[in-house]
Amino acid sequence: TGVGEFRAIDAIQAALESPLLNNNKIKGASNILLNITSGVEEITMDEVGQVTDYVQEMVG
């Protein structure tokens, strides 16, 4: 989860560093399924764009 001005980037960074990924990286992935869930404070389209841009950057 993310909090504050950079909550979307904080959340995706935390998700990609999760121990549940067993040190697997997304670099070079050909397909990615991205699920974005919002709580009480709804996510904006700008934040969705930030997340997808970040994921694309990490894939390479």
C-alpha atoms as a PDB file:
ATOM      1  CA  THR A   1       0.000   0.000   0.000  1.00  0.00           C
ATOM      2  CA  GLY A   2       1.058   3.548  -0.536  1.00  0.00           C
ATOM      3  CA  VAL A   3       0.374   6.745   1.359  1.00  0.00           C
ATOM      4  CA  GLY A   4       0.643  10.379   0.379  1.00  0.00           C
ATOM      5  CA  GLU A   5       1.600  12.111  -2.823  1.00  0.00           C
ATOM      6  CA  PHE A   6       3.601   9.186  -4.231  1.00  0.00           C
ATOM      7  CA  ARG A   7       1.322   6.405  -2.975  1.00  0.00           C
ATOM      8  CA  ALA A   8       0.935   4.737  -6.367  1.00  0.00           C
ATOM      9  CA  ILE A   9       4.689   4.426  -6.946  1.00  0.00           C
ATOM     10  CA  ASP A  10       5.258   3.388  -3.322  1.00  0.00           C
ATOM     11  CA  ALA A  11       2.631   0.660  -3.676  1.00  0.00           C
ATOM     12  CA  ILE A  12       4.011  -0.810  -6.913  1.00  0.00           C
ATOM     13  CA  GLN A  13       7.574  -0.723  -5.595  1.00  0.00           C
ATOM     14  CA  ALA A  14       6.475  -2.560  -2.446  1.00  0.00           C
ATOM     15  CA  ALA A  15       4.547  -5.109  -4.516  1.00  0.00           C
ATOM     16  CA  LEU A  16       7.531  -5.829  -6.764  1.00  0.00           C
ATOM     17  CA  GLU A  17       9.808  -6.250  -3.726  1.00  0.00           C
ATOM     18  CA  SER A  18       7.369  -8.558  -1.922  1.00  0.00           C
ATOM     19  CA  PRO A  19       8.877 -11.759  -0.501  1.00  0.00           C
ATOM     20  CA  LEU A  20       5.920 -13.560  -2.091  1.00  0.00           C
ATOM     21  CA  LEU A  21       7.662 -13.140  -5.452  1.00  0.00           C
ATOM     22  CA  ASN A  22      10.571 -15.305  -4.222  1.00  0.00           C
ATOM     23  CA  ASN A  23      13.103 -12.869  -5.704  1.00  0.00           C
ATOM     24  CA  ASN A  24      11.574 -13.249  -9.169  1.00  0.00           C
ATOM     25  CA  LYS A  25      11.910 -10.115 -11.262  1.00  0.00           C
ATOM     26  CA  ILE A  26       9.622  -8.904 -14.047  1.00  0.00           C
ATOM     27  CA  LYS A  27      12.441  -7.732 -16.312  1.00  0.00           C
ATOM     28  CA  GLY A  28      11.949  -9.207 -19.761  1.00  0.00           C
ATOM     29  CA  ALA A  29       8.427 -10.475 -19.070  1.00  0.00           C
ATOM     30  CA  SER A  30       6.338 -10.843 -22.212  1.00  0.00           C
ATOM     31  CA  ASN A  31       2.975 -10.672 -20.403  1.00  0.00           C
ATOM     32  CA  ILE A  32       1.919  -9.122 -17.106  1.00  0.00           C
ATOM     33  CA  LEU A  33      -1.444  -9.264 -15.369  1.00  0.00           C
ATOM     34  CA  LEU A  34      -1.858  -6.131 -13.265  1.00  0.00           C
ATOM     35  CA  ASN A  35      -4.591  -5.907 -10.614  1.00  0.00           C
ATOM     36  CA  ILE A  36      -5.088  -2.503  -8.996  1.00  0.00           C
ATOM     37  CA  THR A  37      -7.408  -2.354  -5.998  1.00  0.00           C
ATOM     38  CA  SER A  38      -8.408   0.912  -4.368  1.00  0.00           C
ATOM     39  CA  GLY A  39      -9.620   1.464  -0.841  1.00  0.00           C
ATOM     40  CA  VAL A  40     -11.661   4.305   0.586  1.00  0.00           C
ATOM     41  CA  GLU A  41      -9.616   6.959  -1.217  1.00  0.00           C
ATOM     42  CA  GLU A  42     -10.104   6.132  -4.888  1.00  0.00           C
ATOM     43  CA  ILE A  43      -7.149   5.851  -7.235  1.00  0.00           C
ATOM     44  CA  THR A  44      -6.914   8.443  -9.988  1.00  0.00           C
ATOM     45  CA  MET A  45      -6.284   7.772 -13.661  1.00  0.00           C
ATOM     46  CA  ASP A  46      -2.985   9.648 -13.295  1.00  0.00           C
ATOM     47  CA  GLU A  47      -1.949   7.171 -10.597  1.00  0.00           C
ATOM     48  CA  VAL A  48      -2.947   4.225 -12.790  1.00  0.00           C
ATOM     49  CA  GLY A  49      -0.745   5.747 -15.498  1.00  0.00           C
ATOM     50  CA  GLN A  50       2.142   6.096 -13.044  1.00  0.00           C
ATOM     51  CA  VAL A  51       1.831   2.429 -12.078  1.00  0.00           C
ATOM     52  CA  THR A  52       1.680   1.166 -15.657  1.00  0.00           C
ATOM     53  CA  ASP A  53       4.585   3.405 -16.691  1.00  0.00           C
ATOM     54  CA  TYR A  54       6.654   2.098 -13.765  1.00  0.00           C
ATOM     55  CA  VAL A  55       5.846  -1.529 -14.618  1.00  0.00           C
ATOM     56  CA  GLN A  56       6.782  -0.963 -18.269  1.00  0.00           C
ATOM     57  CA  GLU A  57      10.064   0.598 -17.153  1.00  0.00           C
ATOM     58  CA  MET A  58      10.838  -2.392 -14.913  1.00  0.00           C
ATOM     59  CA  VAL A  59      10.055  -4.876 -17.702  1.00  0.00           C
ATOM     60  CA  GLY A  60      12.473  -3.120 -20.026  1.00  0.00           C
END
